[in-house]
Protein backbone atom coordinates (compact mmCIF):
# COMPACT_ATOMS: atom_id res chain seq x y z
CA MET A 1 128.28 -132.36 19.36
CA CYS A 2 125.38 -130.94 21.43
CA ALA A 3 124.77 -128.23 18.82
CA ARG A 4 124.74 -130.84 16.05
CA ARG A 5 122.19 -132.98 17.92
CA PHE A 6 120.02 -129.91 18.50
CA LEU A 7 119.89 -129.00 14.83
CA ILE A 8 119.09 -132.56 13.81
CA ALA A 9 116.36 -132.78 16.47
CA VAL A 10 114.72 -129.56 15.26
CA PHE A 11 114.71 -130.94 11.72
CA ILE A 12 113.11 -134.22 12.81
CA LEU A 13 110.47 -132.58 15.01
CA THR A 14 109.51 -130.18 12.23
CA LEU A 15 109.25 -133.02 9.75
CA LEU A 16 107.00 -134.99 12.09
CA ALA A 17 104.77 -131.99 12.67
CA VAL A 18 104.47 -131.32 8.95
CA ALA A 19 103.56 -134.93 8.24
CA ALA A 20 100.84 -134.78 10.89
CA ALA A 21 99.41 -131.51 9.56
CA VAL A 22 99.39 -132.79 5.98
CA ALA A 23 97.50 -135.87 7.17
CA ILE A 24 94.75 -133.62 8.54
CA PHE A 25 94.29 -131.88 5.21
CA GLN A 26 94.46 -135.01 3.04
CA PHE A 27 92.79 -137.70 5.12
CA GLY A 28 90.91 -135.97 7.93
CA ASP A 29 91.25 -135.84 11.68
CA ARG A 30 90.78 -139.58 12.16
CA VAL A 31 94.13 -140.45 10.59
CA LEU A 32 96.01 -138.08 12.89
CA LEU A 33 94.09 -139.31 15.94
CA ARG A 34 94.96 -142.92 15.17
CA SER A 35 98.62 -142.10 14.65
CA ALA A 36 99.23 -139.77 17.61
CA VAL A 37 96.69 -140.24 20.40
CA PRO A 38 97.77 -142.65 23.19
CA LYS A 39 96.38 -146.15 22.77
CA SER A 40 95.17 -146.65 26.35
CA ASP A 41 93.11 -144.72 28.89
CA PHE A 42 94.78 -142.26 31.21
CA ALA A 43 96.03 -143.95 34.36
CA ALA A 44 96.95 -141.84 37.38
CA PRO A 45 100.54 -142.52 38.49
CA PRO A 46 101.07 -144.11 41.90
CA ALA A 47 101.38 -141.85 44.91
CA GLY A 48 104.96 -140.84 45.63
CA SER A 49 106.11 -141.10 42.00
CA GLU A 50 106.08 -137.34 41.40
CA PRO A 51 109.38 -135.48 40.88
CA ASP A 52 111.16 -134.23 43.99
CA TYR A 53 112.26 -130.73 43.11
CA THR A 54 114.53 -130.48 46.11
CA ARG A 55 116.82 -132.85 44.16
CA GLU A 56 119.07 -131.72 41.33
CA ALA A 57 118.01 -134.74 39.28
CA SER A 58 114.52 -133.26 38.85
CA TRP A 59 115.93 -130.26 36.96
CA ILE A 60 117.28 -130.03 33.42
CA ALA A 61 118.90 -126.70 34.24
CA ARG A 62 119.60 -124.88 37.50
CA PRO A 63 122.56 -123.10 39.08
CA GLY A 64 125.46 -125.43 39.82
CA LEU A 65 124.10 -128.34 37.78
CA ALA A 66 126.77 -130.23 35.84
CA GLY A 67 126.15 -130.40 32.08
CA ASP A 68 123.49 -127.66 32.17
CA PRO A 69 122.33 -127.28 28.52
CA SER A 70 121.10 -123.71 29.04
CA ARG A 71 124.72 -122.54 29.23
CA TRP A 72 125.21 -123.24 25.50
CA LEU A 73 125.77 -120.17 23.32
CA PRO A 74 126.15 -119.62 19.56
CA ASP A 75 129.62 -119.17 18.11
CA GLY A 76 131.17 -115.84 19.05
CA ILE A 77 128.57 -115.00 21.71
CA HIS A 78 129.52 -114.61 25.35
CA ASN A 79 127.59 -113.59 28.44
CA ALA A 80 128.88 -110.08 28.94
CA HIS A 81 127.68 -109.96 32.53
CA ALA A 82 125.61 -112.15 34.79
CA GLY A 83 122.21 -110.58 35.47
CA ASN A 84 120.71 -111.12 38.90
CA ALA A 85 117.33 -112.44 37.75
CA ALA A 86 116.17 -115.98 38.43
CA VAL A 87 114.69 -117.42 35.21
CA PHE A 88 111.98 -120.11 35.34
CA TYR A 89 111.68 -121.80 31.92
CA ILE A 90 109.12 -124.47 30.85
CA HIS A 91 110.08 -126.53 27.79
CA PRO A 92 107.70 -127.47 24.92
CA THR A 93 106.33 -130.91 24.03
CA THR A 94 109.10 -133.40 23.28
CA TYR A 95 107.25 -136.67 24.03
CA LEU A 96 106.00 -138.17 20.76
CA GLU A 97 105.10 -141.70 21.87
CA ARG A 98 101.62 -143.27 22.15
CA ASP A 99 102.21 -145.73 24.98
CA ARG A 100 100.96 -143.37 27.72
CA TRP A 101 99.44 -139.94 28.24
CA ASN A 102 102.38 -138.42 30.13
CA ALA A 103 106.08 -138.75 29.53
CA PRO A 104 108.10 -140.83 31.97
CA LEU A 105 111.07 -139.14 33.62
CA GLU A 106 113.78 -141.49 32.47
CA PRO A 107 117.40 -140.59 31.69
CA GLY A 108 118.97 -141.55 28.39
CA THR A 109 115.77 -141.53 26.32
CA ALA A 110 115.09 -139.75 23.03
CA THR A 111 112.58 -137.55 24.87
CA GLU A 112 115.24 -136.51 27.38
CA ALA A 113 117.67 -135.70 24.56
CA ARG A 114 115.08 -133.59 22.70
CA THR A 115 114.16 -131.78 25.91
CA ARG A 116 117.77 -130.85 26.64
CA LEU A 117 118.19 -129.58 23.10
CA PHE A 118 115.21 -127.24 23.35
CA VAL A 119 116.46 -125.93 26.69
CA GLN A 120 119.78 -125.34 24.96
CA SER A 121 118.36 -123.37 22.03
CA GLN A 122 115.60 -121.42 23.79
CA ALA A 123 116.51 -120.82 27.44
CA SER A 124 120.06 -119.84 26.46
CA ALA A 125 118.67 -116.57 25.07
CA LEU A 126 117.90 -115.48 28.65
CA THR A 127 121.19 -116.37 30.36
CA ASN A 128 122.59 -112.84 30.16
CA ALA A 129 119.73 -111.73 32.42
CA GLY A 130 120.07 -114.48 34.99
CA ALA A 131 120.43 -118.16 35.87
CA ILE A 132 118.03 -120.67 34.29
CA TRP A 133 115.83 -123.03 36.31
CA ALA A 134 114.17 -125.57 33.98
CA PRO A 135 112.25 -128.46 35.57
CA ARG A 136 111.82 -131.93 34.21
CA TYR A 137 108.08 -132.57 34.29
CA ARG A 138 105.74 -135.32 33.21
CA GLN A 139 104.68 -133.48 30.08
CA ALA A 140 101.47 -134.38 28.30
CA ALA A 141 101.97 -136.47 25.16
CA PHE A 142 101.54 -134.82 21.77
CA GLY A 143 98.21 -136.61 21.36
CA ALA A 144 96.73 -134.81 24.38
CA PHE A 145 96.43 -131.68 22.23
CA LEU A 146 94.30 -133.45 19.59
CA LEU A 147 91.33 -134.38 21.78
CA ASP A 148 88.91 -132.57 24.04
CA SER A 149 88.52 -135.51 26.40
CA GLU A 150 88.80 -136.41 30.07
CA ASP A 151 91.99 -138.36 29.33
CA ALA A 152 93.61 -135.40 27.59
CA GLN A 153 92.64 -132.98 30.35
CA ALA A 154 93.90 -135.35 33.03
CA ALA A 155 97.26 -135.56 31.25
CA LEU A 156 97.55 -131.78 31.04
CA ASP A 157 96.54 -131.42 34.69
CA LEU A 158 99.22 -133.90 35.76
CA ALA A 159 101.86 -132.05 33.76
CA TYR A 160 100.79 -128.74 35.28
CA ARG A 161 100.93 -130.11 38.84
CA ASP A 162 104.60 -130.92 38.27
CA VAL A 163 105.28 -127.46 36.86
CA ALA A 164 103.52 -125.80 39.79
CA ALA A 165 105.46 -127.91 42.31
CA ALA A 166 108.73 -127.00 40.57
CA PHE A 167 107.80 -123.31 40.66
CA ASP A 168 107.02 -123.49 44.38
CA GLN A 169 110.49 -124.95 45.01
CA PHE A 170 112.00 -122.32 42.69
CA ILE A 171 110.43 -119.59 44.82
CA ARG A 172 111.66 -121.21 48.04
CA GLU A 173 115.22 -121.15 46.69
CA ASN A 174 114.88 -117.64 45.27
CA ALA A 175 113.15 -115.81 48.08
CA GLY A 176 113.91 -112.31 46.79
CA GLY A 177 114.97 -110.44 43.68
CA PRO A 178 113.75 -110.25 40.08
CA ILE A 179 112.13 -113.18 38.25
CA ILE A 180 111.78 -113.88 34.52
CA LEU A 181 109.26 -116.48 33.33
CA ALA A 182 109.37 -118.21 29.93
CA GLY A 183 107.61 -121.07 28.21
CA HIS A 184 107.06 -122.29 24.66
CA SER A 185 104.14 -124.26 23.18
CA GLN A 186 102.99 -126.72 25.91
CA GLY A 187 105.32 -124.83 28.23
CA ALA A 188 103.49 -121.59 27.42
CA LEU A 189 100.13 -123.21 28.13
CA HIS A 190 101.36 -124.24 31.59
CA LEU A 191 102.88 -120.79 32.10
CA GLU A 192 99.49 -119.18 31.48
CA ARG A 193 97.98 -121.34 34.20
CA LEU A 194 100.93 -120.66 36.51
CA LEU A 195 100.44 -116.91 36.09
CA GLN A 196 96.77 -117.27 37.00
CA ASP A 197 97.36 -119.59 39.99
CA ARG A 198 100.66 -118.44 41.46
CA ILE A 199 101.27 -114.85 40.30
CA ALA A 200 98.03 -112.88 39.81
CA GLY A 201 97.11 -110.88 42.90
CA LYS A 202 100.02 -112.19 44.97
CA PRO A 203 103.11 -110.36 46.33
CA VAL A 204 105.42 -112.27 43.97
CA ALA A 205 103.85 -110.39 41.03
CA LYS A 206 105.95 -107.35 41.97
CA ARG A 207 109.09 -109.41 41.34
CA ILE A 208 108.22 -110.35 37.75
CA VAL A 209 110.47 -108.69 35.19
CA ALA A 210 108.69 -110.26 32.20
CA ALA A 211 106.76 -113.38 31.21
CA TYR A 212 107.49 -114.79 27.75
CA VAL A 213 104.36 -116.81 26.82
CA VAL A 214 105.47 -117.90 23.35
CA GLY A 215 103.87 -120.14 20.73
CA TRP A 216 100.46 -120.29 22.40
CA PRO A 217 97.60 -117.83 21.82
CA VAL A 218 96.68 -115.46 24.64
CA SER A 219 93.39 -113.57 24.34
CA THR A 220 93.66 -109.96 25.50
CA THR A 221 89.99 -109.98 26.53
CA ALA A 222 89.31 -113.57 27.68
CA ASP A 223 92.72 -114.61 29.11
CA LEU A 224 94.95 -111.65 29.90
CA PRO A 225 92.86 -110.11 32.74
CA ALA A 226 93.17 -113.39 34.67
CA LEU A 227 96.98 -113.45 34.40
CA GLY A 228 97.60 -110.50 36.71
CA LEU A 229 100.10 -108.69 34.46
CA PRO A 230 99.56 -106.25 31.58
CA PRO A 231 100.92 -106.72 28.05
CA CYS A 232 104.34 -105.25 27.29
CA ARG A 233 103.46 -102.09 25.40
CA ALA A 234 107.00 -100.68 25.17
CA PRO A 235 110.55 -102.06 25.41
CA GLY A 236 111.33 -100.11 28.58
CA GLU A 237 108.55 -101.64 30.64
CA ALA A 238 108.84 -104.34 33.28
CA GLY A 239 106.28 -106.52 35.01
CA CYS A 240 104.48 -107.43 31.79
CA ILE A 241 103.70 -110.26 29.34
CA LEU A 242 105.13 -110.89 25.87
CA SER A 243 103.50 -113.37 23.51
CA TRP A 244 103.81 -114.11 19.80
CA MET A 245 103.21 -116.80 17.19
CA SER A 246 105.46 -116.60 14.12
CA PHE A 247 104.08 -116.92 10.59
CA GLY A 248 105.33 -116.20 7.10
CA ASP A 249 103.23 -114.21 4.63
CA PRO A 250 100.56 -115.19 3.62
CA ALA A 251 99.57 -116.69 6.97
CA ASN A 252 96.83 -119.24 7.58
CA PRO A 253 96.45 -120.01 11.30
CA GLU A 254 93.24 -122.04 10.92
CA LEU A 255 94.87 -125.30 11.98
CA ILE A 256 95.87 -124.00 15.40
CA LEU A 257 93.10 -121.47 16.07
CA ASP A 258 90.00 -123.43 15.04
CA GLN A 259 89.58 -125.31 18.33
CA TRP A 260 91.09 -122.51 20.44
CA GLN A 261 88.38 -120.09 19.32
CA LYS A 262 85.70 -122.58 20.36
CA SER A 263 87.07 -122.75 23.92
CA LYS A 264 86.37 -120.43 26.82
CA GLY A 265 89.08 -118.09 28.08
CA LEU A 266 90.62 -118.22 31.53
CA GLY A 267 88.18 -115.53 32.59
CA GLY A 268 85.22 -117.31 30.98
CA GLY A 269 84.87 -115.07 27.92
CA GLU A 270 84.92 -115.88 24.20
CA ARG A 271 88.25 -116.17 22.40
CA GLN A 272 88.67 -114.56 18.97
CA GLN A 273 91.69 -114.21 16.68
CA ARG A 274 91.32 -110.44 16.57
CA ASP A 275 91.99 -110.35 20.33
CA ILE A 276 95.22 -112.42 20.35
CA LEU A 277 98.11 -110.70 22.11
CA CYS A 278 101.06 -110.02 19.80
CA VAL A 279 104.16 -108.37 21.25
CA ASN A 280 106.93 -107.97 18.69
CA PRO A 281 110.13 -109.43 20.23
CA ILE A 282 112.30 -107.13 18.11
CA SER A 283 110.60 -103.82 18.97
CA GLY A 284 109.41 -105.00 22.39
CA SER A 285 106.04 -103.33 21.86
CA GLU A 286 102.48 -104.63 21.63
CA GLY A 287 101.26 -104.69 18.05
CA GLY A 288 104.62 -103.35 16.93
CA ALA A 289 106.62 -103.54 13.71
CA ALA A 290 110.39 -103.72 13.27
CA PRO A 291 112.60 -103.83 10.15
CA ALA A 292 115.07 -106.62 9.56
CA GLY A 293 117.96 -104.30 10.35
CA ALA A 294 116.74 -103.98 13.94
CA ASN A 295 116.98 -107.74 14.63
CA PRO A 296 120.23 -108.44 16.51
CA GLY A 297 120.33 -112.09 15.52
CA THR A 298 118.56 -115.18 14.18
CA LEU A 299 119.93 -118.53 15.33
CA LEU A 300 121.33 -120.16 12.19
CA PRO A 301 123.02 -123.55 11.81
CA LYS A 302 126.25 -123.86 9.87
CA LEU A 303 126.14 -125.90 6.68
CA ASP A 304 127.96 -128.81 8.32
CA LEU A 305 125.57 -128.69 11.33
CA SER A 306 128.55 -128.53 13.68
CA SER A 307 127.30 -125.44 15.57
CA ALA A 308 125.20 -122.32 15.17
CA THR A 309 125.84 -118.62 14.59
CA LEU A 310 123.73 -115.48 14.83
CA LEU A 311 122.66 -113.93 11.54
CA ARG A 312 122.06 -110.24 12.15
CA GLY A 313 119.70 -107.94 10.29
CA SER A 314 117.93 -110.56 8.15
CA VAL A 315 114.50 -111.08 9.71
CA GLY A 316 112.02 -108.34 10.56
CA ALA A 317 108.45 -108.76 11.79
CA HIS A 318 105.16 -106.99 12.32
CA CYS A 319 101.98 -107.85 14.22
CA GLU A 320 98.89 -108.41 12.10
CA LYS A 321 95.55 -109.85 13.25
CA GLY A 322 97.14 -111.34 16.36
CA LEU A 323 99.99 -113.05 14.49
CA LEU A 324 103.66 -112.10 14.21
CA ILE A 325 104.28 -111.92 10.46
CA ILE A 326 107.90 -112.42 9.40
CA ASP A 327 109.39 -109.80 7.07
CA GLY A 328 112.73 -109.61 5.31
CA SER A 329 114.87 -112.48 4.10
CA ILE A 330 114.11 -115.66 6.03
CA PRO A 331 117.33 -117.70 6.29
CA PRO A 332 117.42 -121.46 5.64
CA LEU A 333 116.35 -122.62 9.09
CA GLY A 334 115.21 -125.95 7.67
CA PRO A 335 113.41 -127.33 4.62
CA TYR A 336 110.06 -127.77 6.35
CA VAL A 337 107.62 -125.19 7.69
CA LEU A 338 104.18 -126.11 9.02
CA PRO A 339 101.16 -125.63 6.71
CA GLY A 340 99.82 -122.12 6.76
CA ASN A 341 103.37 -120.70 6.76
CA ASN A 342 103.58 -121.49 10.47
CA TYR A 343 107.10 -121.03 11.90
CA HIS A 344 106.11 -122.37 15.33
CA VAL A 345 109.27 -124.46 15.79
CA TYR A 346 111.39 -121.33 15.20
CA ASP A 347 109.55 -118.89 17.52
CA PHE A 348 112.75 -118.48 19.58
CA ALA A 349 115.38 -119.12 16.91
CA LEU A 350 114.14 -116.34 14.60
CA PHE A 351 114.50 -113.75 17.37
CA TRP A 352 117.16 -115.25 19.67
CA GLY A 353 119.26 -112.09 19.77
CA ALA A 354 116.22 -109.86 20.18
CA ILE A 355 114.91 -111.92 23.10
CA ARG A 356 118.32 -111.69 24.73
CA ALA A 357 118.38 -107.89 24.38
CA ASP A 358 114.73 -107.57 25.46
CA ALA A 359 115.31 -109.45 28.71
CA GLU A 360 118.30 -107.25 29.56
CA ARG A 361 116.31 -104.05 28.90
CA ARG A 362 113.39 -105.17 31.04
CA LEU A 363 115.67 -106.25 33.87
CA ALA A 364 117.27 -102.79 33.83
CA ALA A 365 113.79 -101.22 33.89
CA TRP A 366 112.74 -103.44 36.82
CA ARG A 367 115.80 -102.37 38.78
CA GLY A 368 114.97 -98.75 38.06
């Protein structure tokens, strides 16, 4: 049942994103702003309303938590051994309402269900390397990414404060040993900031096995130097950053890169597409290429949507102009892909088996 809900949720989220992108092209930015941006001004939450990360209820996944969605696995896949890493995972945007700038932390909502389903499909790829810690946080609403405004920035800052507080508690409960970091989309944006604030130049940096900053552009010149870790240049390296954005060929990333290239990097420099970090999750190397036969598995739903399997050897990929271009035979992940051949929703699903193998390799290298 959980697998079925996940597949349906991915379909719905993709459809919503496509509809929004089409509105931009046909009717201009104003239509999308009216339909997605919160209707009121940002209002700071009352003091004492923040999540308490000493409580299990403030986590979607963590060791010992009943009903932990990160323990889900595709049919026929088992965790061969439990790695000793502690994995901190930050989920993407799942709050699609307009009533406020930040999602409420309420059980039983559609947002909660979507969040659990993304933890299930993405964080599960890392469970062979270690236990998942995934915080609930007051994520910024989808509309916060459509405006460069004080309200939007305040919403993102609030979301990040929760993530940072969760990470601090994560470190208190995992005082030693290897750490893997992962985030997708909004989660990757917060992970960039976390690397700058909590990792770069600090002793904990030596404990980082890898940081998967996925579905958000990272400039190698304007952002990467501020993150305190180098890019992963080879599959046998540890203590490095992987990042990719998945596109079919021909790719048109204008929709997502137009505003990004106008913004300043974390180090203050200019951002350009030619400088975007692309680490191929199949080859594990920066700027790398890998044939379809080298991909250990794409997450694929069954026709009846009852569960998912891994399709091996179907999807290859190569880095080109900062993008990860998909090669080979793309399976029927869903009937909708974002304009520009953007496979953003499937950044993890396309390479689920490769991410799983990559994390194990890097953990072995860290131990060595």
